């Protein structure tokens, strides 16, 4: 490993969690929108 002390660990981990949370929300929103669009197409046709 490359030298990670306690301070940089405390700085890196919250930012990594934030990035992972944002990515998760984007994926969730993408699937939700796609699901809604599929429902709309079924209603219209």
N, C-alpha and C. Protein backbone atom coordinates (compact mmCIF):
# COMPACT_ATOMS: atom_id res chain seq x y z
N UNK A 1 0.85 -1.21 0.00
CA UNK A 1 0.00 0.00 0.00
C UNK A 1 0.87 1.25 0.00
N UNK A 2 0.33 2.33 -0.48
CA UNK A 2 1.00 3.63 -0.39
C UNK A 2 0.60 4.27 0.93
N UNK A 3 1.55 4.94 1.58
CA UNK A 3 1.39 5.38 2.97
C UNK A 3 0.14 6.21 3.22
N UNK A 4 -0.85 5.61 3.86
CA UNK A 4 -2.08 6.31 4.23
C UNK A 4 -2.10 6.42 5.75
N UNK A 5 -1.93 7.64 6.25
CA UNK A 5 -2.01 7.83 7.70
C UNK A 5 -3.45 8.13 8.11
N UNK A 6 -3.67 8.27 9.41
CA UNK A 6 -5.04 8.42 9.92
C UNK A 6 -5.70 9.67 9.35
N UNK A 7 -4.94 10.76 9.21
CA UNK A 7 -5.55 12.01 8.73
C UNK A 7 -6.07 11.86 7.30
N UNK A 8 -5.21 11.38 6.40
CA UNK A 8 -5.65 11.26 5.01
C UNK A 8 -6.76 10.22 4.90
N UNK A 9 -6.75 9.21 5.76
CA UNK A 9 -7.84 8.24 5.77
C UNK A 9 -9.15 8.92 6.13
N UNK A 10 -9.12 9.79 7.16
CA UNK A 10 -10.34 10.51 7.56
C UNK A 10 -10.81 11.46 6.48
N UNK A 11 -9.88 11.96 5.65
CA UNK A 11 -10.28 12.87 4.58
C UNK A 11 -10.79 12.10 3.37
N UNK A 12 -10.13 10.99 3.05
CA UNK A 12 -10.46 10.27 1.82
C UNK A 12 -11.78 9.50 1.94
N UNK A 13 -11.99 8.85 3.07
CA UNK A 13 -13.14 7.96 3.19
C UNK A 13 -14.47 8.71 3.00
N UNK A 14 -14.71 9.86 3.68
CA UNK A 14 -15.98 10.55 3.45
C UNK A 14 -16.17 10.99 2.00
N UNK A 15 -15.10 11.41 1.34
CA UNK A 15 -15.26 11.83 -0.06
C UNK A 15 -15.56 10.63 -0.94
N UNK A 16 -14.92 9.50 -0.66
CA UNK A 16 -15.24 8.29 -1.44
C UNK A 16 -16.68 7.87 -1.21
N UNK A 17 -17.14 7.95 0.04
CA UNK A 17 -18.54 7.61 0.34
C UNK A 17 -19.47 8.56 -0.41
N UNK A 18 -19.12 9.85 -0.44
CA UNK A 18 -19.95 10.82 -1.16
C UNK A 18 -20.02 10.51 -2.64
N UNK A 19 -18.87 10.18 -3.24
CA UNK A 19 -18.86 9.85 -4.67
C UNK A 19 -19.69 8.59 -4.92
N UNK A 20 -19.54 7.59 -4.07
CA UNK A 20 -20.30 6.35 -4.25
C UNK A 20 -21.80 6.63 -4.10
N UNK A 21 -22.16 7.48 -3.14
CA UNK A 21 -23.58 7.80 -2.94
C UNK A 21 -24.14 8.53 -4.15
N UNK A 22 -23.39 9.48 -4.70
CA UNK A 22 -23.87 10.20 -5.88
C UNK A 22 -24.01 9.26 -7.06
N UNK A 23 -23.05 8.35 -7.24
CA UNK A 23 -23.14 7.40 -8.34
C UNK A 23 -24.36 6.49 -8.17
N UNK A 24 -24.59 6.06 -6.93
CA UNK A 24 -25.75 5.20 -6.65
C UNK A 24 -27.06 5.92 -6.95
N UNK A 25 -27.14 7.19 -6.55
CA UNK A 25 -28.36 7.97 -6.81
C UNK A 25 -28.57 8.15 -8.30
N UNK A 26 -27.48 8.41 -9.04
CA UNK A 26 -27.61 8.59 -10.49
C UNK A 26 -28.10 7.31 -11.16
N UNK A 27 -27.54 6.16 -10.75
CA UNK A 27 -27.97 4.88 -11.33
C UNK A 27 -29.43 4.62 -10.97
N UNK A 28 -29.80 4.87 -9.71
CA UNK A 28 -31.19 4.65 -9.27
C UNK A 28 -32.14 5.54 -10.06
N UNK A 29 -31.77 6.82 -10.22
CA UNK A 29 -32.63 7.75 -10.95
C UNK A 29 -32.75 7.32 -12.41
N UNK A 30 -31.64 6.85 -13.01
CA UNK A 30 -31.66 6.41 -14.40
C UNK A 30 -32.65 5.27 -14.59
N UNK A 31 -32.59 4.26 -13.69
CA UNK A 31 -33.51 3.13 -13.82
C UNK A 31 -34.95 3.56 -13.56
N UNK A 32 -35.16 4.47 -12.61
CA UNK A 32 -36.51 4.93 -12.29
C UNK A 32 -37.11 5.68 -13.48
N UNK A 33 -36.32 6.57 -14.09
CA UNK A 33 -36.81 7.32 -15.25
C UNK A 33 -37.10 6.37 -16.41
N UNK A 34 -36.18 5.41 -16.63
CA UNK A 34 -36.38 4.47 -17.73
C UNK A 34 -37.65 3.65 -17.50
N UNK A 35 -37.88 3.26 -16.24
CA UNK A 35 -39.09 2.50 -15.91
C UNK A 35 -40.33 3.34 -16.17
N UNK A 36 -40.31 4.61 -15.77
CA UNK A 36 -41.46 5.49 -16.00
C UNK A 36 -41.69 5.69 -17.49
N UNK A 37 -40.61 5.85 -18.27
CA UNK A 37 -40.77 6.04 -19.72
C UNK A 37 -41.37 4.78 -20.34
N UNK A 38 -40.95 3.61 -19.89
CA UNK A 38 -41.53 2.37 -20.41
C UNK A 38 -43.02 2.30 -20.07
N UNK A 39 -43.39 2.71 -18.86
CA UNK A 39 -44.81 2.71 -18.49
C UNK A 39 -45.60 3.66 -19.37
N UNK A 40 -45.04 4.85 -19.65
CA UNK A 40 -45.74 5.82 -20.50
C UNK A 40 -45.94 5.25 -21.90
N UNK A 41 -44.93 4.59 -22.44
CA UNK A 41 -45.08 4.05 -23.79
C UNK A 41 -46.16 2.97 -23.81
N UNK A 42 -46.27 2.17 -22.76
CA UNK A 42 -47.32 1.15 -22.73
C UNK A 42 -48.70 1.79 -22.68
N UNK A 43 -48.83 2.89 -21.93
CA UNK A 43 -50.14 3.55 -21.85
C UNK A 43 -50.53 4.19 -23.18
N UNK A 44 -49.57 4.80 -23.88
CA UNK A 44 -49.90 5.54 -25.09
C UNK A 44 -50.26 4.60 -26.23
N UNK A 45 -49.62 3.44 -26.31
CA UNK A 45 -49.86 2.54 -27.45
C UNK A 45 -50.98 1.56 -27.11
